[in-house]
Structures are given as structure tokens and as C-alpha cells.
Amino acid sequence: MSQQINGNDLIALGYPENELIGIALKINRKRNGYNRTEMLAHYAKVWTNAAAYKDDKVFGKLAIAIIDGVGIKIPEDLIELKESAEAYTIYGGENIEEGARKQMNIAMALPVTVAGALMPDAHQGYGLPIGGVLATNNAIIPYGVGVDIGCRMALSVYDIPFEHFEMNRAFYKEVLMNYTRFGAGNGFLKHERAEHAVMESELFTTNKLIAGLKDKAWTQLGSSGGGNHFVEFGAIHFAMDDKVSGISKGTYLALLTHSGSRGFGATIADYYTRLAKELCKLPYHAKNLAYLDLDSEAGNDYWLAMNLAGDYASACHETIHQKITKALGAGILTKVENHHNFAWKETWNNREVVVHRKGATPAGKGVMGIIPGSMTAPGFLVRGKGNEASIQSASHGAGRQMSRTQAIKSLTNADLQSVLNDMGVTLIGAGLDEAPMAYKDIRAVMAAQEDLVDVVAEFQPKMVRMADDGSRED
């Protein structure tokens, strides 16, 4: 079985930084009997003498692509980037990986880019980095929005003393188990389906793609995905009276949820990303930032679909909170919801722009938001300051400091359980890829964005449910 080879290995052999690298790397992911050294030797020979390999079972497709000039011939409709990237503000730069900076630099060179900013929880993603904020001129970038369209946080603060939770943990665990569903493909049977106005959208009849997704969307309404999505109980502490929400100083029981538009949004994202790449021919290293003109039919269709996916994600949270609140017999003192992985039409520096926040929280003047830490680290209820340099945005969490693969390889269940015990957290589901140690220090992230938000209250997770099947549905 071949050992993994990356794009830099191929570039070192003389391969151009274009589609050929993608074709070549697909070969390396399959069983072919060669070790790493042998693979690199063959890659070198194919590049210098493709004709000799055109009938080869392993390298034939790559050889033919080289002969046909794939990635070498410049498309006539290629859209050129700006000669240099526009300047942008970076928050907490000392803790942001180079890959995220490089991706942001490419985004800032798009011909439609107006402004950008990088949040302190940023890390590398597809196209725009996670934690990237990008303002464009009348253009929408599907991968600038992200795969999990409208992913969001929702917080309900209950009129229940937190001590009640501590004395009745078994009851609260039963509520989480009975009224939540998690993981890729998981949802509800027809007789269990929730009713919600979002399912009555006319797009389910006028848009062929969306019409074909209605049954799946309805099945998953009120469920959560895998990966870092969660439903959790915790203690929220207001250090002083908050006149805006009307909540008095004290500690309350709260429910916090994080998830997005499930398979419905993921399918929309995949379809329009492929369409954008077909219509918007960017250089190879920028292709994941392919954009759609909002005045075009495709751009308008995606805009409508994106907004529906955002409404659907909100409906999922609303359904979860309604079910759990009813099961608790609780009253809600205040509820706050904010989303990321979305695009908004906003005014920035006196001009209308399309603001993409891929893993970034809206933080306009007075706008409320929730910035979580990890399953054991605190989250923060915040109020935006409307900072123009950040394009009125803040981080959407702590941000990863370990990849999922790295976390699984370097951490143990004993490590995870030790941290959970120390913090008094009950964990239901989840894997090592979501261990608290895989995330950045949330307090350092918050310190890096003091100019962007004011902290209103601090939330400490105490019982966390996540997907227990290892799924990572976006």
C-alpha cells in the first residue's frame, strides 16, 4: 500500500501547481503495491516521459492528463487575481497557523474582494479559512460560506436554579438522551417528525434541487450533526445585572446548542460550489474561492438556497430547545442565537458589500452572540462593539490547535476522562478528536478580541452530548 505523498512532494519533482497535482494525489490514496520511494520515482518518470506511461494501469490517467495538457493550457476565460493581496486585519496572529494566513492572502487577491479580517480562532479550511471574514462586491462564494450553511449557536437561560441540575443529574441526562438525535444520516421516523413553518417554503416546490431534499430535511429537522456539534447543559454566570436582557446578577441553568443545516445544507453547498467552479475559472490555487455574481441566475438561486438553509438550521435549534424546555417544565429568562457560515448584505465604509463569515460571529454594535470554548472550557455570552476593522465580526469559538487526526493519534481516553473529571463534566458520546486539548485556549482567544466584543456572562458546560458514532457530518 502506498504511503501518503503531498502536493509539495510533487512540486519538488517539477509538477506545476495546478489540476495535475490533484489527479496525481488520487493515485496515491489507492492500493497499488508501491512504497513511498517507488511512488516518487514513478511520479518523476511520468512527468518527464508521460508517453511511456499512457497505458499503465496505475499512472495511465495522469500520463494522459499530462499529454493532453490538463492544467498546463490556460483557459481562455481564466479570471486573473489582483497583482497583490489587499491588506487585512489579523487578531491573535501569534496563534494562527501559516496555512490559514496563506488562504486569506489568496482570498484578498480576488477581483471582487473589498475587505477582510482574520479572527483569533482561525485555522485552515477549504477556500476561505475557518475564522475568515471577507467582504465582496456583489459576489457570493459558496466555499466562503462553508459546507455547513447557517451553522449556529443557540442559548436558553432558564428560571431554574443551577443547584437543581446538580441534585438531579440523572434526570437531565435522561432529557438529553430522549430529546436529541446526533450523527451523519440520523434523524426521525415519519411519525416522529416535528412541524415547522420552514418546511412550507416555496423553494421546496420551485427549486428542483431543493424539492428533492425536502424529505431528508424534514427527517433531520430537530437533530444535530457530528463533529463539534453538541447539546449541553451548563451554569451561566452573570457577574452583574444585565439591563438589556433584564437578567439579575447570579448563576442560572442554561441550555446551549451548536449545529447547522445538516445534510440539507451540505448538499446545497456541494451543488453550488461545483457550479461556481464551472462558471468562475480562477487559477488553480484559488479555485475553491470560485464565486457567483448575485445578479446572475445561479448567484440568485444560491442566495435564496443559502438563506433557506440558514432558516432550516435555526428551525433545528428551535425544535431542540422547545422539546427540552417542555420536558423540563422550565421558563426561559432570555434566549440568544447567532449564526456563522453565512453571508450577509451589509454596509461597510458607506458601501454595500456581501460579508462572508466562515466560522465567525456577527458582532455589530449591540448584537448578542455566543462564543463557546470546548466541552470543558467556558463559553461567553457577548455583545458586539461594531468594530469596522473586523468587519463587525468576532471569533466563533476557541478554534482547533490540533487536527482531528493529530488529536486521535496523540491523546488517550484516559487523558480525556481526567480533564472531564477535573471539570465535573458528564460527557455523552464524542471522540478524542473533540477532546478539550485539541482546542486553543479560549481565554487567550477572548483576550485577542477585547476590541470586538464585551463579555456579558460566562457559561460553564456541565453535561455535554455529542455524536457517539464518530461521524463528522458538516
Protein backbone atom coordinates (compact mmCIF):
# COMPACT_ATOMS: atom_id res chain seq x y z
CA MET A 1 0.00 0.00 0.00
CA SER A 2 1.39 3.42 -0.96
CA GLN A 3 2.42 5.87 1.72
CA GLN A 4 0.90 9.33 1.63
CA ILE A 5 2.59 11.89 -0.59
CA ASN A 6 1.53 15.53 -0.61
CA GLY A 7 1.43 18.30 -3.17
CA ASN A 8 4.75 19.75 -2.05
CA ASP A 9 6.47 16.45 -2.88
CA LEU A 10 5.13 16.66 -6.42
CA ILE A 11 6.01 20.33 -6.84
CA ALA A 12 9.57 19.43 -5.85
CA LEU A 13 9.59 16.96 -8.77
CA GLY A 14 8.65 19.73 -11.18
CA TYR A 15 4.88 19.35 -11.29
CA PRO A 16 3.04 22.66 -11.82
CA GLU A 17 0.75 23.85 -9.06
CA ASN A 18 -2.47 23.07 -10.88
CA GLU A 19 -5.04 20.33 -11.53
CA LEU A 20 -2.34 17.75 -12.27
CA ILE A 21 -1.43 17.60 -8.61
CA GLY A 22 -4.99 16.62 -7.72
CA ILE A 23 -5.01 13.89 -10.36
CA ALA A 24 -1.65 12.58 -9.14
CA LEU A 25 -2.61 12.54 -5.47
CA LYS A 26 -5.72 10.45 -6.16
CA ILE A 27 -3.39 7.66 -7.31
CA ASN A 28 -1.54 7.76 -4.00
CA ARG A 29 -4.72 7.15 -1.99
CA LYS A 30 -5.30 3.73 -3.53
CA ARG A 31 -3.66 0.33 -3.09
CA ASN A 32 -1.08 -0.08 -5.86
CA GLY A 33 1.78 -2.12 -4.38
CA TYR A 34 4.36 0.69 -4.36
CA ASN A 35 6.03 2.20 -1.32
CA ARG A 36 6.68 5.93 -0.96
CA THR A 37 10.14 5.86 -2.58
CA GLU A 38 8.88 3.85 -5.55
CA MET A 39 5.87 6.12 -5.96
CA LEU A 40 8.03 9.23 -6.09
CA ALA A 41 10.32 7.60 -8.63
CA HIS A 42 7.36 6.79 -10.87
CA TYR A 43 5.89 10.26 -10.47
CA ALA A 44 9.21 11.72 -11.64
CA LYS A 45 9.33 9.44 -14.69
CA VAL A 46 5.71 10.12 -15.64
CA TRP A 47 6.36 13.85 -15.59
CA THR A 48 9.43 13.60 -17.81
CA ASN A 49 8.17 10.81 -20.10
CA ALA A 50 4.36 10.64 -19.98
CA ALA A 51 4.07 8.75 -23.27
CA ALA A 52 5.75 5.71 -21.71
CA TYR A 53 3.03 5.51 -19.07
CA LYS A 54 -0.15 6.22 -21.04
CA ASP A 55 -1.21 2.55 -20.92
CA ASP A 56 -0.07 1.98 -17.32
CA LYS A 57 -2.83 0.71 -15.01
CA VAL A 58 -1.71 2.91 -12.10
CA PHE A 59 -0.34 6.03 -13.77
CA GLY A 60 -2.18 5.98 -17.12
CA LYS A 61 -4.76 8.67 -16.28
CA LEU A 62 -2.05 11.01 -15.01
CA ALA A 63 0.09 10.41 -18.08
CA ILE A 64 -2.81 11.13 -20.44
CA ALA A 65 -3.66 14.29 -18.50
CA ILE A 66 -0.06 15.48 -18.94
CA ILE A 67 -0.10 14.63 -22.66
CA ASP A 68 -3.44 16.44 -23.09
CA GLY A 69 -2.09 19.50 -21.34
CA VAL A 70 -4.54 19.42 -18.43
CA GLY A 71 -3.65 22.24 -16.08
CA ILE A 72 -0.95 23.47 -18.44
CA LYS A 73 -3.11 25.09 -21.06
CA ILE A 74 -4.53 28.33 -19.70
CA PRO A 75 -8.34 28.54 -20.16
CA GLU A 76 -9.41 31.44 -22.35
CA ASP A 77 -11.92 32.53 -19.70
CA LEU A 78 -9.44 32.40 -16.80
CA ILE A 79 -10.12 35.15 -14.25
CA GLU A 80 -6.89 36.73 -13.06
CA LEU A 81 -6.27 37.69 -9.45
CA LYS A 82 -5.07 41.10 -8.31
CA GLU A 83 -1.31 41.61 -8.54
CA SER A 84 -1.12 41.80 -4.75
CA ALA A 85 -3.47 40.93 -1.90
CA GLU A 86 -5.42 43.69 -0.18
CA ALA A 87 -4.36 44.45 3.39
CA TYR A 88 -6.47 42.96 6.18
CA THR A 89 -6.52 42.88 9.99
CA ILE A 90 -5.41 39.80 11.93
CA TYR A 91 -6.46 39.25 15.54
CA GLY A 92 -4.41 36.94 17.77
CA GLY A 93 -1.96 36.33 14.96
CA GLU A 94 0.62 34.61 17.16
CA ASN A 95 -1.70 31.59 17.44
CA ILE A 96 -2.83 31.37 13.81
CA GLU A 97 -1.23 28.77 11.55
CA GLU A 98 0.51 29.75 8.33
CA GLY A 99 -1.94 27.77 6.20
CA ALA A 100 -4.84 29.98 7.30
CA ARG A 101 -2.85 33.13 6.51
CA LYS A 102 -1.99 31.83 3.04
CA GLN A 103 -5.64 31.07 2.31
CA MET A 104 -6.65 34.53 3.48
CA ASN A 105 -3.97 36.12 1.31
CA ILE A 106 -5.40 34.39 -1.75
CA ALA A 107 -8.93 35.49 -0.84
CA MET A 108 -7.74 39.09 -0.50
CA ALA A 109 -6.46 38.97 -4.10
CA LEU A 110 -9.82 38.09 -5.66
CA PRO A 111 -11.03 40.76 -8.10
CA VAL A 112 -14.32 41.04 -6.17
CA THR A 113 -12.72 41.44 -2.72
CA VAL A 114 -13.33 44.70 -0.86
CA ALA A 115 -12.08 43.97 2.68
CA GLY A 116 -11.21 41.12 5.03
CA ALA A 117 -10.23 40.14 8.55
CA LEU A 118 -8.92 37.03 10.30
CA MET A 119 -10.34 36.08 13.70
CA PRO A 120 -8.18 34.74 16.60
CA ASP A 121 -9.65 31.22 16.34
CA ALA A 122 -8.70 30.92 12.66
CA HIS A 123 -7.33 27.74 11.13
CA GLN A 124 -7.05 26.27 7.65
CA GLY A 125 -10.19 25.14 5.83
CA TYR A 126 -11.36 24.88 2.20
CA GLY A 127 -11.25 28.10 0.23
CA LEU A 128 -11.70 30.75 2.90
CA PRO A 129 -10.07 29.72 6.20
CA ILE A 130 -12.23 28.94 9.21
CA GLY A 131 -12.35 32.25 11.08
CA GLY A 132 -12.06 34.23 7.86
CA VAL A 133 -14.27 37.25 7.19
CA LEU A 134 -14.45 38.52 3.61
CA ALA A 135 -16.43 41.43 2.15
CA THR A 136 -17.02 41.28 -1.61
CA ASN A 137 -18.64 43.42 -4.26
CA ASN A 138 -21.96 41.82 -5.31
CA ALA A 139 -20.47 38.31 -5.35
CA ILE A 140 -21.12 35.22 -3.26
CA ILE A 141 -18.53 32.47 -2.65
CA PRO A 142 -20.10 29.11 -1.70
CA TYR A 143 -16.87 27.94 -0.02
CA GLY A 144 -16.64 31.36 1.64
CA VAL A 145 -19.90 30.47 3.35
CA GLY A 146 -18.87 26.90 4.07
CA VAL A 147 -20.34 23.43 3.81
CA ASP A 148 -22.48 23.58 6.96
CA ILE A 149 -24.55 26.58 5.86
CA GLY A 150 -26.02 28.61 8.71
CA CYS A 151 -24.30 26.64 11.47
CA ARG A 152 -25.13 28.42 14.70
CA MET A 153 -25.24 28.70 18.46
CA ALA A 154 -28.46 28.95 20.49
CA LEU A 155 -28.68 29.63 24.22
CA SER A 156 -31.70 29.40 26.52
CA VAL A 157 -31.29 30.72 30.08
CA TYR A 158 -33.81 29.05 32.39
CA ASP A 159 -35.60 30.19 35.51
CA ILE A 160 -34.19 27.10 37.24
CA PRO A 161 -31.54 27.45 39.97
CA PHE A 162 -28.37 25.70 38.87
CA GLU A 163 -28.40 23.71 42.12
CA HIS A 164 -31.42 21.80 40.78
CA PHE A 165 -29.26 20.44 37.97
CA GLU A 166 -26.51 19.33 40.34
CA MET A 167 -29.03 17.47 42.51
CA ASN A 168 -30.81 15.81 39.56
CA ARG A 169 -28.13 14.91 37.02
CA ALA A 170 -29.75 11.58 36.14
CA PHE A 171 -32.96 13.37 35.17
CA TYR A 172 -31.13 15.88 32.96
CA LYS A 173 -29.15 13.11 31.28
CA GLU A 174 -32.40 11.31 30.51
CA VAL A 175 -33.79 14.50 28.93
CA LEU A 176 -30.73 14.86 26.69
CA MET A 177 -30.95 11.23 25.63
CA ASN A 178 -34.69 11.35 24.91
CA TYR A 179 -34.95 14.65 23.05
CA THR A 180 -31.82 14.85 20.89
CA ARG A 181 -30.51 12.90 17.90
CA PHE A 182 -26.95 13.06 16.59
CA GLY A 183 -24.69 12.00 13.77
CA ALA A 184 -24.47 11.69 10.00
CA GLY A 185 -27.71 10.47 8.47
CA ASN A 186 -29.55 10.30 11.78
CA GLY A 187 -32.99 11.82 12.14
CA PHE A 188 -36.58 10.95 12.99
CA LEU A 189 -39.15 8.47 11.68
CA LYS A 190 -42.18 9.90 9.87
CA HIS A 191 -44.44 9.65 12.90
CA GLU A 192 -41.81 11.46 15.00
CA ARG A 193 -41.29 14.41 12.67
CA ALA A 194 -41.63 17.93 14.04
CA GLU A 195 -43.82 20.56 12.38
CA HIS A 196 -42.24 23.88 11.43
CA ALA A 197 -43.09 26.71 9.03
CA VAL A 198 -39.65 26.43 7.39
CA MET A 199 -40.84 23.27 5.62
CA GLU A 200 -43.52 25.32 3.84
CA SER A 201 -41.01 27.44 1.90
CA GLU A 202 -41.96 27.82 -1.78
CA LEU A 203 -38.40 26.80 -2.71
CA PHE A 204 -39.38 23.22 -1.91
CA THR A 205 -41.59 23.40 -4.99
CA THR A 206 -39.87 25.95 -7.27
CA ASN A 207 -36.23 24.83 -6.98
CA LYS A 208 -35.64 21.33 -8.37
CA LEU A 209 -32.56 20.65 -6.20
CA ILE A 210 -34.28 21.74 -3.01
CA ALA A 211 -37.51 19.95 -3.87
CA GLY A 212 -35.55 16.70 -3.97
CA LEU A 213 -34.17 17.37 -0.49
CA LYS A 214 -37.44 18.05 1.31
CA ASP A 215 -37.95 14.56 2.70
CA LYS A 216 -34.38 14.38 4.01
CA ALA A 217 -34.66 17.85 5.53
CA TRP A 218 -37.91 17.00 7.28
CA THR A 219 -36.47 13.74 8.59
CA GLN A 220 -33.49 15.55 10.14
CA LEU A 221 -35.39 18.60 11.44
CA GLY A 222 -34.53 18.98 15.12
CA SER A 223 -31.43 16.78 15.00
CA SER A 224 -27.72 17.62 15.24
CA GLY A 225 -24.73 16.62 13.14
CA GLY A 226 -21.44 15.04 14.12
CA GLY A 227 -18.01 16.55 14.72
CA ASN A 228 -18.09 19.52 17.10
CA HIS A 229 -21.88 19.80 17.24
CA PHE A 230 -23.41 19.47 20.69
CA VAL A 231 -26.35 19.96 23.04
CA GLU A 232 -25.30 20.73 26.60
CA PHE A 233 -26.48 21.91 29.99
CA GLY A 234 -24.32 24.26 31.98
CA ALA A 235 -24.09 27.05 34.51
CA ILE A 236 -24.24 30.60 33.16
CA HIS A 237 -22.95 33.29 35.49
CA PHE A 238 -23.86 36.96 35.22
CA ALA A 239 -21.31 38.91 37.29
CA MET A 240 -23.62 41.93 37.28
CA ASP A 241 -27.16 42.84 36.34
CA ASP A 242 -27.70 42.97 32.58
CA LYS A 243 -30.20 45.74 31.88
CA VAL A 244 -30.63 44.79 28.21
CA SER A 245 -31.76 41.22 28.86
CA GLY A 246 -33.28 42.05 32.23
CA ILE A 247 -31.36 39.26 33.98
CA SER A 248 -30.14 39.92 37.50
CA LYS A 249 -26.67 39.10 38.79
CA GLY A 250 -26.41 35.38 39.59
CA THR A 251 -25.90 31.84 38.27
CA TYR A 252 -28.58 30.09 36.24
CA LEU A 253 -29.12 26.80 34.44
CA ALA A 254 -28.79 27.18 30.66
CA LEU A 255 -29.07 25.04 27.54
CA LEU A 256 -26.52 25.63 24.76
CA THR A 257 -26.69 24.04 21.30
CA HIS A 258 -24.36 24.06 18.30
CA SER A 259 -25.21 22.60 14.90
CA GLY A 260 -26.22 23.64 11.41
CA SER A 261 -28.27 22.73 8.35
CA ARG A 262 -27.40 19.02 8.33
CA GLY A 263 -27.39 17.06 5.07
CA PHE A 264 -29.78 19.59 3.53
CA GLY A 265 -27.25 22.42 3.71
CA ALA A 266 -24.32 20.20 2.81
CA THR A 267 -25.98 19.12 -0.44
CA ILE A 268 -26.77 22.73 -1.36
CA ALA A 269 -23.17 23.71 -0.63
CA ASP A 270 -21.75 20.89 -2.75
CA TYR A 271 -24.00 21.60 -5.74
CA TYR A 272 -23.39 25.35 -5.89
CA THR A 273 -19.67 25.03 -5.19
CA ARG A 274 -19.33 22.78 -8.25
CA LEU A 275 -21.47 25.17 -10.28
CA ALA A 276 -19.37 28.16 -9.20
CA LYS A 277 -16.19 26.36 -10.26
CA GLU A 278 -17.70 25.68 -13.68
CA LEU A 279 -18.75 29.29 -14.19
CA CYS A 280 -15.86 31.09 -12.47
CA LYS A 281 -12.46 29.94 -13.75
CA LEU A 282 -9.89 31.02 -11.19
CA PRO A 283 -6.21 29.99 -11.03
CA TYR A 284 -5.68 26.55 -9.53
CA HIS A 285 -4.58 27.76 -6.09
CA ALA A 286 -7.72 29.95 -5.83
CA LYS A 287 -10.31 27.60 -7.36
CA ASN A 288 -12.06 26.87 -4.05
CA LEU A 289 -12.91 30.57 -3.88
CA ALA A 290 -14.97 30.46 -7.09
CA TYR A 291 -17.77 33.00 -6.83
CA LEU A 292 -21.18 33.72 -8.33
CA ASP A 293 -22.41 37.17 -9.39
CA LEU A 294 -25.53 37.97 -7.38
CA ASP A 295 -27.10 39.47 -10.49
CA SER A 296 -26.83 36.13 -12.28
CA GLU A 297 -29.44 33.37 -12.15
CA ALA A 298 -27.00 30.98 -10.44
CA GLY A 299 -25.98 33.61 -7.89
CA ASN A 300 -29.57 34.48 -7.05
CA ASP A 301 -30.53 30.80 -6.79
CA TYR A 302 -27.67 30.13 -4.36
CA TRP A 303 -28.53 33.21 -2.31
CA LEU A 304 -32.12 32.00 -1.87
CA ALA A 305 -30.99 28.43 -1.11
CA MET A 306 -28.39 29.64 1.40
CA ASN A 307 -30.97 31.71 3.25
CA LEU A 308 -33.38 28.78 3.37
CA ALA A 309 -30.62 26.54 4.75
CA GLY A 310 -29.96 29.18 7.40
CA ASP A 311 -33.65 29.28 8.32
CA TYR A 312 -33.66 25.48 8.44
CA ALA A 313 -30.66 25.42 10.81
CA SER A 314 -32.47 27.90 13.06
CA ALA A 315 -35.58 25.70 12.96
CA CYS A 316 -33.50 22.72 14.10
CA HIS A 317 -32.31 24.65 17.16
CA GLU A 318 -35.79 25.98 17.87
CA THR A 319 -37.19 22.46 17.78
CA ILE A 320 -34.50 21.11 20.13
CA HIS A 321 -34.95 23.95 22.62
CA GLN A 322 -38.75 23.65 22.58
CA LYS A 323 -38.65 19.91 23.26
CA ILE A 324 -36.14 20.16 26.09
CA THR A 325 -37.74 23.23 27.68
CA LYS A 326 -41.12 21.46 27.71
CA ALA A 327 -39.56 18.33 29.21
CA LEU A 328 -38.01 20.43 31.98
CA GLY A 329 -41.18 22.41 32.62
CA ALA A 330 -38.98 25.50 32.59
CA GLY A 331 -39.50 29.15 31.81
CA ILE A 332 -36.98 31.00 29.61
CA LEU A 333 -35.46 34.19 31.02
CA THR A 334 -33.69 35.03 27.77
CA LYS A 335 -32.70 33.36 24.54
CA VAL A 336 -29.79 34.29 22.27
CA GLU A 337 -29.00 32.86 18.84
CA ASN A 338 -26.32 33.71 16.31
CA HIS A 339 -25.01 32.03 13.21
CA HIS A 340 -21.80 31.74 11.24
CA ASN A 341 -21.02 30.01 7.91
CA PHE A 342 -23.20 32.53 6.14
CA ALA A 343 -23.19 35.67 4.01
CA TRP A 344 -24.99 38.92 4.69
CA LYS A 345 -25.61 42.09 2.69
CA GLU A 346 -24.24 44.84 4.93
CA THR A 347 -22.94 48.38 4.78
CA TRP A 348 -19.20 48.70 5.34
CA ASN A 349 -17.41 52.04 4.98
CA ASN A 350 -20.57 53.53 3.46
CA ARG A 351 -20.89 50.93 0.68
CA GLU A 352 -22.99 47.81 0.33
CA VAL A 353 -20.94 44.63 0.44
CA VAL A 354 -21.55 40.90 0.81
CA VAL A 355 -19.93 39.82 4.09
CA HIS A 356 -18.89 36.17 4.31
CA ARG A 357 -18.32 34.92 7.86
CA LYS A 358 -16.94 31.40 7.65
CA GLY A 359 -16.64 30.42 11.29
CA ALA A 360 -17.01 33.99 12.56
CA THR A 361 -19.66 35.59 14.76
CA PRO A 362 -21.57 38.74 13.77
CA ALA A 363 -20.51 41.47 16.22
CA GLY A 364 -22.27 44.63 15.14
CA LYS A 365 -22.90 47.33 17.73
CA GLY A 366 -25.11 45.82 20.44
CA VAL A 367 -25.52 42.47 18.63
CA MET A 368 -25.60 39.50 21.01
CA GLY A 369 -23.64 36.31 20.36
CA ILE A 370 -22.27 33.17 21.99
CA ILE A 371 -18.61 32.16 21.68
CA PRO A 372 -18.04 28.60 23.04
CA GLY A 373 -14.77 27.12 24.28
CA SER A 374 -14.78 23.31 24.40
CA MET A 375 -16.60 20.55 26.25
CA THR A 376 -14.81 21.61 29.45
CA ALA A 377 -13.73 25.20 28.75
CA PRO A 378 -16.11 28.11 29.31
CA GLY A 379 -18.13 29.84 26.64
CA PHE A 380 -19.06 33.51 26.63
CA LEU A 381 -22.26 35.45 26.06
CA VAL A 382 -21.06 38.61 24.33
CA ARG A 383 -22.30 41.92 22.97
CA GLY A 384 -20.69 43.27 19.81
CA LYS A 385 -18.88 46.61 19.62
CA GLY A 386 -19.31 47.13 15.87
CA ASN A 387 -15.59 47.32 15.09
CA GLU A 388 -15.12 48.27 11.42
CA ALA A 389 -11.61 46.77 11.18
CA SER A 390 -13.03 43.30 11.93
CA ILE A 391 -15.96 43.98 9.58
CA GLN A 392 -18.14 43.85 12.71
CA SER A 393 -17.16 40.26 13.47
CA ALA A 394 -15.61 38.14 16.23
CA SER A 395 -14.45 34.55 16.63
CA HIS A 396 -16.98 31.70 16.63
CA GLY A 397 -15.16 29.63 19.23
CA ALA A 398 -11.72 28.71 20.51
CA GLY A 399 -10.51 27.21 17.24
CA ARG A 400 -8.57 24.00 16.79
CA GLN A 401 -4.89 23.70 17.62
CA MET A 402 -4.78 20.01 16.70
CA SER A 403 -6.23 18.40 13.59
CA ARG A 404 -8.72 15.61 14.22
CA THR A 405 -6.16 13.03 13.10
CA GLN A 406 -3.48 14.51 15.34
CA ALA A 407 -5.80 14.51 18.35
CA ILE A 408 -6.80 10.87 17.85
CA LYS A 409 -3.16 9.80 17.49
CA SER A 410 -1.72 11.82 20.38
CA LEU A 411 -4.45 11.70 23.05
CA THR A 412 -5.92 8.83 25.06
CA ASN A 413 -9.30 8.17 26.60
CA ALA A 414 -7.62 8.38 29.99
CA ASP A 415 -6.39 11.90 29.13
CA LEU A 416 -9.91 12.92 28.18
CA GLN A 417 -11.55 11.37 31.22
CA SER A 418 -9.06 13.07 33.54
CA VAL A 419 -9.96 16.51 32.21
CA LEU A 420 -13.69 15.73 32.37
CA ASN A 421 -13.37 14.62 36.00
CA ASP A 422 -11.37 17.71 36.94
CA MET A 423 -14.06 19.99 35.50
CA GLY A 424 -17.05 17.97 36.72
CA VAL A 425 -18.37 17.43 33.20
CA THR A 426 -20.54 14.48 32.16
CA LEU A 427 -19.87 13.55 28.53
CA ILE A 428 -22.32 11.57 26.41
CA GLY A 429 -20.80 10.47 23.11
CA ALA A 430 -17.93 12.29 21.31
CA GLY A 431 -14.46 11.03 20.46
CA LEU A 432 -10.88 12.03 21.06
CA ASP A 433 -10.98 14.34 18.05
CA GLU A 434 -13.18 16.65 20.15
CA ALA A 435 -11.09 16.46 23.32
CA PRO A 436 -10.59 19.87 25.01
CA MET A 437 -6.82 19.62 24.45
CA ALA A 438 -7.42 19.77 20.67
CA TYR A 439 -8.63 23.36 21.03
CA LYS A 440 -6.90 26.67 21.63
CA ASP A 441 -7.09 28.44 24.99
CA ILE A 442 -10.46 30.21 24.84
CA ARG A 443 -9.32 32.88 27.31
CA ALA A 444 -6.37 33.77 25.07
CA VAL A 445 -8.77 33.96 22.12
CA MET A 446 -11.11 36.26 24.07
CA ALA A 447 -8.18 38.44 25.15
CA ALA A 448 -7.25 38.91 21.49
CA GLN A 449 -10.69 40.31 20.65
CA GLU A 450 -11.41 42.71 23.51
CA ASP A 451 -11.85 45.45 20.88
CA LEU A 452 -14.57 43.41 19.18
CA VAL A 453 -16.95 42.28 21.96
CA ASP A 454 -17.91 42.88 25.58
CA VAL A 455 -18.46 39.82 27.79
CA VAL A 456 -21.94 39.77 29.35
CA ALA A 457 -21.87 36.35 31.03
CA GLU A 458 -19.75 33.20 31.27
CA PHE A 459 -21.13 29.73 30.55
CA GLN A 460 -19.53 26.59 32.04
CA PRO A 461 -20.52 23.25 30.41
CA LYS A 462 -21.57 20.53 32.85
CA MET A 463 -23.32 17.87 30.74
CA VAL A 464 -22.45 17.52 27.06
CA ARG A 465 -24.00 15.32 24.40
CA MET A 466 -22.26 14.86 21.02
CA ALA A 467 -22.36 12.30 18.22
CA ASP A 468 -21.18 8.94 19.51
CA ASP A 469 -20.65 7.22 16.16
CA GLY A 470 -17.53 9.06 15.06
CA SER A 471 -19.48 10.84 12.31
CA ARG A 472 -18.43 14.27 11.16
CA GLU A 473 -21.34 15.39 9.02
CA ASP A 474 -20.88 19.06 8.17
